[in-house]
C-alpha atoms as a PDB file:
ATOM      1  CA  MET A   1      74.618 154.760 -27.574  1.00  0.00           C
ATOM      2  CA  VAL A   2      72.515 154.887 -24.415  1.00  0.00           C
ATOM      3  CA  ARG A   3      74.151 156.631 -21.476  1.00  0.00           C
ATOM      4  CA  TYR A   4      72.925 157.197 -17.940  1.00  0.00           C
ATOM      5  CA  CYS A   5      73.913 159.191 -14.916  1.00  0.00           C
ATOM      6  CA  LEU A   6      72.945 159.081 -11.250  1.00  0.00           C
ATOM      7  CA  VAL A   7      72.567 162.741 -10.352  1.00  0.00           C
ATOM      8  CA  PRO A   8      73.213 163.277  -6.625  1.00  0.00           C
ATOM      9  CA  THR A   9      70.439 165.403  -5.093  1.00  0.00           C
ATOM     10  CA  ALA A  10      69.390 166.425  -1.606  1.00  0.00           C
ATOM     11  CA  TRP A  11      66.589 163.842  -1.917  1.00  0.00           C
ATOM     12  CA  GLY A  12      68.737 160.977  -3.231  1.00  0.00           C
ATOM     13  CA  PRO A  13      70.046 159.924  -6.656  1.00  0.00           C
ATOM     14  CA  PHE A  14      67.987 161.047  -9.638  1.00  0.00           C
ATOM     15  CA  THR A  15      68.620 159.052 -12.819  1.00  0.00           C
ATOM     16  CA  ILE A  16      68.801 160.472 -16.320  1.00  0.00           C
ATOM     17  CA  VAL A  17      69.051 158.218 -19.366  1.00  0.00           C
ATOM     18  CA  MET A  18      70.020 159.699 -22.719  1.00  0.00           C
ATOM     19  CA  ARG A  19      70.684 158.676 -26.297  1.00  0.00           C
ATOM     20  CA  GLY A  20      72.439 161.229 -28.413  1.00  0.00           C
ATOM     21  CA  GLY A  21      71.180 164.553 -27.192  1.00  0.00           C
ATOM     22  CA  GLN A  22      67.738 163.273 -26.180  1.00  0.00           C
ATOM     23  CA  LEU A  23      66.459 162.370 -22.737  1.00  0.00           C
ATOM     24  CA  LEU A  24      64.972 158.877 -22.975  1.00  0.00           C
ATOM     25  CA  ARG A  25      63.996 158.468 -19.334  1.00  0.00           C
ATOM     26  CA  SER A  26      64.354 159.984 -15.925  1.00  0.00           C
ATOM     27  CA  LYS A  27      63.826 158.304 -12.586  1.00  0.00           C
ATOM     28  CA  LEU A  28      62.876 160.101  -9.387  1.00  0.00           C
ATOM     29  CA  PRO A  29      65.179 159.957  -6.362  1.00  0.00           C
ATOM     30  CA  ASP A  30      62.809 157.938  -4.206  1.00  0.00           C
ATOM     31  CA  GLU A  31      62.753 154.986  -6.522  1.00  0.00           C
ATOM     32  CA  SER A  32      63.828 151.756  -4.932  1.00  0.00           C
ATOM     33  CA  ARG A  33      66.004 149.136  -6.575  1.00  0.00           C
ATOM     34  CA  ILE A  34      68.281 151.666  -8.301  1.00  0.00           C
ATOM     35  CA  ASP A  35      71.004 149.024  -8.708  1.00  0.00           C
ATOM     36  CA  GLU A  36      68.517 146.697 -10.390  1.00  0.00           C
ATOM     37  CA  TYR A  37      67.385 149.536 -12.667  1.00  0.00           C
ATOM     38  CA  THR A  38      70.891 150.491 -13.765  1.00  0.00           C
ATOM     39  CA  SER A  39      71.767 146.804 -14.293  1.00  0.00           C
ATOM     40  CA  CYS A  40      68.781 146.511 -16.640  1.00  0.00           C
ATOM     41  CA  LEU A  41      69.918 149.625 -18.504  1.00  0.00           C
ATOM     42  CA  ARG A  42      73.335 148.082 -19.039  1.00  0.00           C
ATOM     43  CA  GLU A  43      72.088 144.597 -19.932  1.00  0.00           C
ATOM     44  CA  LEU A  44      69.068 145.447 -22.084  1.00  0.00           C
ATOM     45  CA  HIS A  45      70.254 148.639 -23.753  1.00  0.00           C
ATOM     46  CA  GLY A  46      74.036 148.443 -23.518  1.00  0.00           C
ATOM     47  CA  ALA A  47      73.915 151.637 -21.473  1.00  0.00           C
ATOM     48  CA  VAL A  48      77.132 153.110 -20.183  1.00  0.00           C
ATOM     49  CA  GLU A  49      77.364 155.195 -17.028  1.00  0.00           C
ATOM     50  CA  GLU A  50      78.629 158.695 -17.709  1.00  0.00           C
ATOM     51  CA  PRO A  51      78.938 160.884 -14.579  1.00  0.00           C
ATOM     52  CA  HIS A  52      79.173 164.157 -16.525  1.00  0.00           C
ATOM     53  CA  LEU A  53      76.178 163.527 -18.769  1.00  0.00           C
ATOM     54  CA  ASN A  54      74.390 166.811 -19.576  1.00  0.00           C
ATOM     55  CA  PRO A  55      75.862 169.008 -16.790  1.00  0.00           C
ATOM     56  CA  GLU A  56      73.295 171.771 -17.341  1.00  0.00           C
ATOM     57  CA  LEU A  57      70.395 169.356 -16.749  1.00  0.00           C
ATOM     58  CA  GLN A  58      72.147 167.832 -13.751  1.00  0.00           C
ATOM     59  CA  ASP A  59      72.632 171.283 -12.239  1.00  0.00           C
ATOM     60  CA  SER A  60      68.951 172.148 -12.725  1.00  0.00           C
ATOM     61  CA  ILE A  61      67.849 168.878 -11.104  1.00  0.00           C
ATOM     62  CA  GLN A  62      70.117 169.466  -8.105  1.00  0.00           C
ATOM     63  CA  ARG A  63      68.909 173.053  -7.696  1.00  0.00           C
ATOM     64  CA  TYR A  64      65.279 171.898  -7.843  1.00  0.00           C
ATOM     65  CA  PHE A  65      65.712 169.398  -5.005  1.00  0.00           C
ATOM     66  CA  GLU A  66      67.621 172.007  -2.972  1.00  0.00           C
ATOM     67  CA  GLY A  67      64.449 174.113  -3.088  1.00  0.00           C
ATOM     68  CA  GLU A  68      65.401 176.750  -5.633  1.00  0.00           C
ATOM     69  CA  THR A  69      62.230 178.264  -7.032  1.00  0.00           C
ATOM     70  CA  GLY A  70      61.376 178.457 -10.697  1.00  0.00           C
ATOM     71  CA  VAL A  71      63.962 175.949 -11.915  1.00  0.00           C
ATOM     72  CA  ARG A  72      63.498 175.086 -15.591  1.00  0.00           C
ATOM     73  CA  PHE A  73      64.765 171.912 -17.233  1.00  0.00           C
ATOM     74  CA  ARG A  74      66.269 172.294 -20.672  1.00  0.00           C
ATOM     75  CA  ALA A  75      66.330 168.942 -22.418  1.00  0.00           C
ATOM     76  CA  ARG A  76      65.291 167.497 -25.746  1.00  0.00           C
ATOM     77  CA  LEU A  77      62.892 164.687 -24.939  1.00  0.00           C
ATOM     78  CA  ALA A  78      62.613 161.383 -26.778  1.00  0.00           C
ATOM     79  CA  PHE A  79      59.067 160.164 -27.328  1.00  0.00           C
ATOM     80  CA  ASP A  80      59.937 156.722 -28.727  1.00  0.00           C
ATOM     81  CA  GLY A  81      56.930 154.424 -29.004  1.00  0.00           C
ATOM     82  CA  LEU A  82      54.376 157.003 -27.855  1.00  0.00           C
ATOM     83  CA  THR A  83      51.130 157.816 -29.656  1.00  0.00           C
ATOM     84  CA  ASP A  84      50.304 161.307 -30.900  1.00  0.00           C
ATOM     85  CA  PHE A  85      47.829 161.620 -28.010  1.00  0.00           C
ATOM     86  CA  GLN A  86      50.479 160.705 -25.427  1.00  0.00           C
ATOM     87  CA  LYS A  87      52.969 163.139 -26.966  1.00  0.00           C
ATOM     88  CA  ALA A  88      50.389 165.954 -26.942  1.00  0.00           C
ATOM     89  CA  ILE A  89      49.577 165.339 -23.277  1.00  0.00           C
ATOM     90  CA  LEU A  90      53.249 165.218 -22.249  1.00  0.00           C
ATOM     91  CA  ARG A  91      54.097 168.364 -24.219  1.00  0.00           C
ATOM     92  CA  THR A  92      51.175 170.203 -22.644  1.00  0.00           C
ATOM     93  CA  CYS A  93      52.147 168.976 -19.192  1.00  0.00           C
ATOM     94  CA  ARG A  94      55.701 170.153 -19.719  1.00  0.00           C
ATOM     95  CA  VAL A  95      54.629 173.791 -19.744  1.00  0.00           C
ATOM     96  CA  ILE A  96      52.906 173.713 -16.341  1.00  0.00           C
ATOM     97  CA  ALA A  97      54.950 176.280 -14.470  1.00  0.00           C
ATOM     98  CA  TYR A  98      56.713 175.748 -11.156  1.00  0.00           C
ATOM     99  CA  GLY A  99      54.288 176.111  -8.248  1.00  0.00           C
ATOM    100  CA  ASN A 100      51.220 175.617 -10.437  1.00  0.00           C
ATOM    101  CA  THR A 101      48.929 172.653 -10.917  1.00  0.00           C
ATOM    102  CA  ARG A 102      46.371 171.483 -13.456  1.00  0.00           C
ATOM    103  CA  SER A 103      43.696 168.860 -13.052  1.00  0.00           C
ATOM    104  CA  TYR A 104      43.674 165.854 -15.329  1.00  0.00           C
ATOM    105  CA  GLY A 105      40.617 167.355 -17.038  1.00  0.00           C
ATOM    106  CA  GLU A 106      42.250 170.770 -17.484  1.00  0.00           C
ATOM    107  CA  LEU A 107      45.335 169.154 -18.994  1.00  0.00           C
ATOM    108  CA  ALA A 108      43.173 167.113 -21.367  1.00  0.00           C
ATOM    109  CA  THR A 109      41.311 170.243 -22.487  1.00  0.00           C
ATOM    110  CA  ARG A 110      44.484 172.304 -22.949  1.00  0.00           C
ATOM    111  CA  ALA A 111      45.970 169.495 -25.069  1.00  0.00           C
ATOM    112  CA  GLY A 112      42.871 169.464 -27.288  1.00  0.00           C
ATOM    113  CA  PHE A 113      41.168 166.371 -25.855  1.00  0.00           C
ATOM    114  CA  PRO A 114      38.424 167.743 -23.580  1.00  0.00           C
ATOM    115  CA  ASN A 115      36.853 164.385 -22.709  1.00  0.00           C
ATOM    116  CA  ALA A 116      40.041 162.481 -21.964  1.00  0.00           C
ATOM    117  CA  ALA A 117      40.738 163.144 -18.270  1.00  0.00           C
ATOM    118  CA  ARG A 118      41.014 159.437 -17.424  1.00  0.00           C
ATOM    119  CA  ALA A 119      43.316 158.808 -20.371  1.00  0.00           C
ATOM    120  CA  VAL A 120      45.506 161.694 -19.159  1.00  0.00           C
ATOM    121  CA  GLY A 121      45.887 159.843 -15.859  1.00  0.00           C
ATOM    122  CA  SER A 122      47.180 156.811 -17.750  1.00  0.00           C
ATOM    123  CA  VAL A 123      49.694 158.941 -19.653  1.00  0.00           C
ATOM    124  CA  MET A 124      50.903 160.541 -16.414  1.00  0.00           C
ATOM    125  CA  ALA A 125      51.337 157.102 -14.833  1.00  0.00           C
ATOM    126  CA  ARG A 126      53.692 156.137 -17.678  1.00  0.00           C
ATOM    127  CA  ASN A 127      55.501 159.469 -18.022  1.00  0.00           C
ATOM    128  CA  PRO A 128      59.024 158.575 -19.209  1.00  0.00           C
ATOM    129  CA  HIS A 129      60.485 161.893 -17.976  1.00  0.00           C
ATOM    130  CA  PRO A 130      59.179 162.586 -14.441  1.00  0.00           C
ATOM    131  CA  LEU A 131      60.168 165.988 -13.056  1.00  0.00           C
ATOM    132  CA  ILE A 132      61.377 167.123 -16.491  1.00  0.00           C
ATOM    133  CA  THR A 133      57.781 166.621 -17.639  1.00  0.00           C
ATOM    134  CA  PRO A 134      56.185 167.646 -14.325  1.00  0.00           C
ATOM    135  CA  CYS A 135      53.477 165.017 -13.894  1.00  0.00           C
ATOM    136  CA  HIS A 136      53.554 165.739 -10.148  1.00  0.00           C
ATOM    137  CA  ARG A 137      51.793 169.033 -10.983  1.00  0.00           C
ATOM    138  CA  VAL A 138      48.770 167.195 -12.403  1.00  0.00           C
ATOM    139  CA  ILE A 139      46.130 166.611  -9.750  1.00  0.00           C
ATOM    140  CA  ALA A 140      42.620 165.222  -9.508  1.00  0.00           C
ATOM    141  CA  ALA A 141      39.465 167.316  -9.634  1.00  0.00           C
ATOM    142  CA  GLY A 142      38.558 169.111  -6.427  1.00  0.00           C
ATOM    143  CA  ARG A 143      42.245 169.858  -5.627  1.00  0.00           C
ATOM    144  CA  ARG A 144      42.788 166.222  -4.571  1.00  0.00           C
ATOM    145  CA  ILE A 145      46.295 164.804  -4.875  1.00  0.00           C
ATOM    146  CA  GLY A 146      45.386 162.109  -7.413  1.00  0.00           C
ATOM    147  CA  GLY A 147      47.761 159.251  -8.160  1.00  0.00           C
ATOM    148  CA  PHE A 148      51.507 159.071  -8.604  1.00  0.00           C
ATOM    149  CA  SER A 149      53.483 156.173 -10.010  1.00  0.00           C
ATOM    150  CA  SER A 150      56.697 156.557  -8.007  1.00  0.00           C
ATOM    151  CA  ASP A 151      57.685 153.907  -5.498  1.00  0.00           C
ATOM    152  CA  SER A 152      56.739 156.356  -2.720  1.00  0.00           C
ATOM    153  CA  GLY A 153      53.373 157.022  -4.319  1.00  0.00           C
ATOM    154  CA  THR A 154      51.548 160.191  -3.421  1.00  0.00           C
ATOM    155  CA  GLU A 155      53.915 160.951  -0.516  1.00  0.00           C
ATOM    156  CA  LEU A 156      56.613 162.030  -2.968  1.00  0.00           C
ATOM    157  CA  LYS A 157      54.102 163.911  -5.126  1.00  0.00           C
ATOM    158  CA  ARG A 158      52.866 165.832  -2.089  1.00  0.00           C
ATOM    159  CA  ALA A 159      56.461 166.569  -0.983  1.00  0.00           C
ATOM    160  CA  MET A 160      57.358 167.904  -4.439  1.00  0.00           C
ATOM    161  CA  LEU A 161      54.255 170.097  -4.521  1.00  0.00           C
ATOM    162  CA  GLU A 162      55.049 171.386  -1.019  1.00  0.00           C
ATOM    163  CA  LEU A 163      58.620 172.129  -2.122  1.00  0.00           C
ATOM    164  CA  GLU A 164      57.089 174.287  -4.864  1.00  0.00           C
ATOM    165  CA  GLY A 165      54.811 176.056  -2.400  1.00  0.00           C
ATOM    166  CA  THR A 166      51.634 174.329  -3.556  1.00  0.00           C
ATOM    167  CA  THR A 167      49.999 173.420  -0.265  1.00  0.00           C
ATOM    168  CA  GLU A 168      46.264 173.632  -0.940  1.00  0.00           C
ATOM    169  CA  ILE A 169      46.044 170.014  -2.131  1.00  0.00           C
ATOM    170  CA  LEU A 170      43.642 167.801  -0.181  1.00  0.00           C
END
């Protein structure tokens, strides 16, 4: 059974979607059309809203958006429909520590694909678990902000990096 929860945060509702004990998706708090999104979850996946879904994860998400440093997100992630390459990139991204960044090229190299910087950008754009897999910490070469697939675009990415004390991004 697919279940979802709108986690109230200081930045707005953050959505987690789970099946069993695995996180299928997360949705950042800036995302528009939240009602449309949750309607699709219910209609397409038979999802049921569960306010107390994974309290430990909810608490971590709330603490992160309140500005607590070093918050870690404990969750088993679902990688349904992803290639081995995509899984490797997301797993490598997941270990980028709070307040740190990696370029697309560095992430590709650390994941074992040294010539795949552009492909890493595509994986980040389709990250099913934003924040939990911290794609906002992946930047372009030359300390440039790079892209971000949230509805707020790079504004949210920059705000999240600033929250973490990473301010040297161009």
